[in-house]
C-alpha cells in the first residue's frame, strides 16, 4: 500500500538536504524562510529552486522542488481520476510528479516569478490529462477489438 504523498515528499526532502554540502544547506534554509514569507517570497524561493534544479544534481534538487510546491500538487491530484483497471491513483501520482519535474527542467520560465507555480502546475496537469486520454482511447480500442473478435467467431 503506498504511503501518503506529503510523507513521501517530506522524507525525500530530508534525505536530499542531508546530501547537500554546507553552502547549499544554508541556501536551502534561506529558501525555506522565503517560502514562508508570503507570495513574493514563495515565488522567489521557487524560482531559485527551479534554477538550482536545472543546474545542479537533479536527484538532490527534485525533492526540494516537489516539497516546496506540495500543496499545489495535492490540490491538482484530487481533480485527476485514474483510468481503471489499468491505471490507479499511484500511477497518476507518479506521472504527475514526473510531469512537474519535466516542466521544471524544460519549460521557459515566466518573466514574473509569481506565475511560476501556476505554470508548472498547468503544464504538468496538461501532460497527465493527455496521458489519461491516450490510455482511455487505448482501453476503448482494445475493448472494441475484443468485441469484434467475439462477433466474428
Protein backbone atom coordinates (compact mmCIF):
# COMPACT_ATOMS: atom_id res chain seq x y z
CA UNK A 1 0.00 0.00 0.00
CA UNK A 2 1.51 3.35 -0.99
CA UNK A 3 2.23 5.88 1.69
CA UNK A 4 0.85 9.39 1.51
CA UNK A 5 2.38 11.91 -0.83
CA UNK A 6 3.17 14.55 1.82
CA UNK A 7 5.05 11.97 3.90
CA UNK A 8 6.98 10.76 0.85
CA UNK A 9 7.88 14.32 -0.17
CA UNK A 10 8.96 15.28 3.35
CA UNK A 11 11.16 12.18 3.67
CA UNK A 12 12.73 12.75 0.26
CA UNK A 13 13.35 16.39 1.17
CA UNK A 14 15.13 15.40 4.38
CA UNK A 15 17.29 12.87 2.53
CA UNK A 16 18.18 15.45 -0.13
CA UNK A 17 19.03 18.08 2.48
CA UNK A 18 21.35 15.64 4.22
CA UNK A 19 23.25 15.07 0.94
CA UNK A 20 23.87 18.75 0.29
CA UNK A 21 27.17 20.44 1.12
CA UNK A 22 27.10 23.05 3.88
CA UNK A 23 26.85 26.03 1.49
CA UNK A 24 23.84 24.52 -0.24
CA UNK A 25 22.22 23.70 3.11
CA UNK A 26 22.47 27.39 4.03
CA UNK A 27 20.86 28.31 0.70
CA UNK A 28 18.19 25.70 1.34
CA UNK A 29 17.40 27.15 4.74
CA UNK A 30 17.03 30.58 3.07
CA UNK A 31 14.62 29.01 0.59
CA UNK A 32 12.55 27.62 3.49
CA UNK A 33 12.45 31.06 5.14
CA UNK A 34 11.48 32.74 1.85
CA UNK A 35 8.80 30.15 1.15
CA UNK A 36 7.10 31.06 4.42
CA UNK A 37 7.31 34.82 3.76
CA UNK A 38 4.19 35.20 1.60
CA UNK A 39 3.61 35.14 -2.15
CA UNK A 40 6.63 37.22 -3.28
CA UNK A 41 8.95 35.18 -1.05
CA UNK A 42 7.48 31.87 -2.20
CA UNK A 43 7.83 32.92 -5.82
CA UNK A 44 11.47 33.92 -5.35
CA UNK A 45 12.20 30.68 -3.49
CA UNK A 46 10.55 28.56 -6.16
CA UNK A 47 12.39 30.39 -8.92
CA UNK A 48 15.69 29.78 -7.15
CA UNK A 49 14.95 26.10 -6.64
CA UNK A 50 13.93 25.62 -10.29
CA UNK A 51 17.17 27.29 -11.37
CA UNK A 52 19.16 25.06 -8.99
CA UNK A 53 17.25 22.01 -10.25
CA UNK A 54 18.19 22.85 -13.82
CA UNK A 55 21.85 23.49 -12.96
CA UNK A 56 22.60 21.13 -10.10
CA UNK A 57 22.18 17.45 -9.48
CA UNK A 58 18.54 16.72 -10.23
CA UNK A 59 18.41 13.88 -7.71
CA UNK A 60 19.17 16.37 -4.94
CA UNK A 61 17.01 19.29 -6.06
CA UNK A 62 13.94 17.35 -7.26
CA UNK A 63 12.72 16.51 -3.72
CA UNK A 64 13.28 20.12 -2.66
CA UNK A 65 11.25 21.39 -5.62
CA UNK A 66 8.43 18.91 -5.06
CA UNK A 67 8.31 19.62 -1.33
CA UNK A 68 8.11 23.35 -1.99
CA UNK A 69 5.02 23.01 -4.20
CA UNK A 70 3.45 20.03 -2.42
CA UNK A 71 0.17 21.81 -1.52
CA UNK A 72 -0.42 22.74 -5.16
CA UNK A 73 0.42 19.20 -6.27
CA UNK A 74 -2.04 17.71 -3.79
CA UNK A 75 -4.78 20.09 -4.93
CA UNK A 76 -4.28 19.11 -8.58
CA UNK A 77 -4.10 15.39 -7.86
CA UNK A 78 -7.52 15.50 -6.20
CA UNK A 79 -9.04 16.50 -9.53
CA UNK A 80 -7.41 13.80 -11.65
CA UNK A 81 -9.24 10.49 -12.00
CA UNK A 82 -7.39 7.28 -12.88
CA UNK A 83 -8.33 5.07 -15.81
CA UNK A 84 -9.18 1.87 -14.01
CA UNK A 85 -8.41 -1.02 -14.13
CA UNK A 86 -5.03 -0.33 -15.72
CA UNK A 87 -4.04 2.94 -14.06
CA UNK A 88 -4.64 3.51 -10.37
CA UNK A 89 -4.14 6.57 -8.16
CA UNK A 90 -0.49 5.72 -7.56
CA UNK A 91 0.17 5.68 -11.32
CA UNK A 92 -1.46 9.09 -11.72
CA UNK A 93 0.52 10.44 -8.79
CA UNK A 94 3.83 9.22 -10.19
CA UNK A 95 3.04 10.55 -13.66
CA UNK A 96 2.08 13.94 -12.24
CA UNK A 97 5.35 14.22 -10.31
CA UNK A 98 7.25 13.26 -13.44
CA UNK A 99 5.40 15.90 -15.45
CA UNK A 100 6.18 18.56 -12.82
CA UNK A 101 9.87 17.72 -12.99
CA UNK A 102 9.83 17.67 -16.80
CA UNK A 103 8.16 21.07 -16.84
CA UNK A 104 10.66 22.48 -14.34
CA UNK A 105 13.54 21.21 -16.45
CA UNK A 106 12.35 22.32 -19.85
CA UNK A 107 9.66 24.98 -19.93
CA UNK A 108 10.53 28.64 -20.46
CA UNK A 109 10.49 30.45 -17.15
CA UNK A 110 7.94 33.26 -16.90
CA UNK A 111 9.23 36.81 -16.60
CA UNK A 112 7.31 37.24 -13.35
CA UNK A 113 8.21 34.51 -10.83
CA UNK A 114 4.78 34.90 -9.21
CA UNK A 115 3.39 32.89 -12.14
CA UNK A 116 5.92 30.06 -11.99
CA UNK A 117 3.99 27.73 -9.67
CA UNK A 118 0.76 28.03 -11.64
CA UNK A 119 2.63 27.50 -14.92
CA UNK A 120 4.34 24.38 -13.55
CA UNK A 121 1.01 23.01 -12.33
CA UNK A 122 -0.76 23.81 -15.61
CA UNK A 123 1.97 22.18 -17.70
CA UNK A 124 2.02 19.05 -15.51
CA UNK A 125 -1.77 18.87 -15.42
CA UNK A 126 -1.94 19.10 -19.20
CA UNK A 127 0.63 16.33 -19.60
CA UNK A 128 -1.21 13.98 -17.23
CA UNK A 129 -4.60 14.69 -18.77
CA UNK A 130 -3.25 13.88 -22.23
CA UNK A 131 -1.70 10.71 -20.85
CA UNK A 132 -5.03 9.69 -19.31
CA UNK A 133 -6.93 10.43 -22.54
CA UNK A 134 -4.47 8.29 -24.51
CA UNK A 135 -5.00 5.47 -22.01
CA UNK A 136 -8.77 5.84 -22.22
CA UNK A 137 -8.65 5.57 -26.03
CA UNK A 138 -6.26 2.63 -25.84
CA UNK A 139 -8.58 0.77 -23.46
CA UNK A 140 -11.59 1.59 -25.60
CA UNK A 141 -9.87 0.37 -28.78
CA UNK A 142 -8.87 -2.88 -27.07
CA UNK A 143 -12.43 -3.39 -25.88
CA UNK A 144 -13.76 -2.76 -29.41
CA UNK A 145 -11.25 -5.17 -30.90
CA UNK A 146 -12.23 -7.79 -28.35
CA UNK A 147 -15.93 -7.27 -29.11
CA UNK A 148 -15.26 -7.51 -32.87
CA UNK A 149 -13.27 -10.69 -32.34
CA UNK A 150 -16.12 -12.24 -30.36
CA UNK A 151 -18.64 -11.37 -33.09
CA UNK A 152 -16.51 -12.97 -35.81
CA UNK A 153 -16.18 -16.29 -34.03
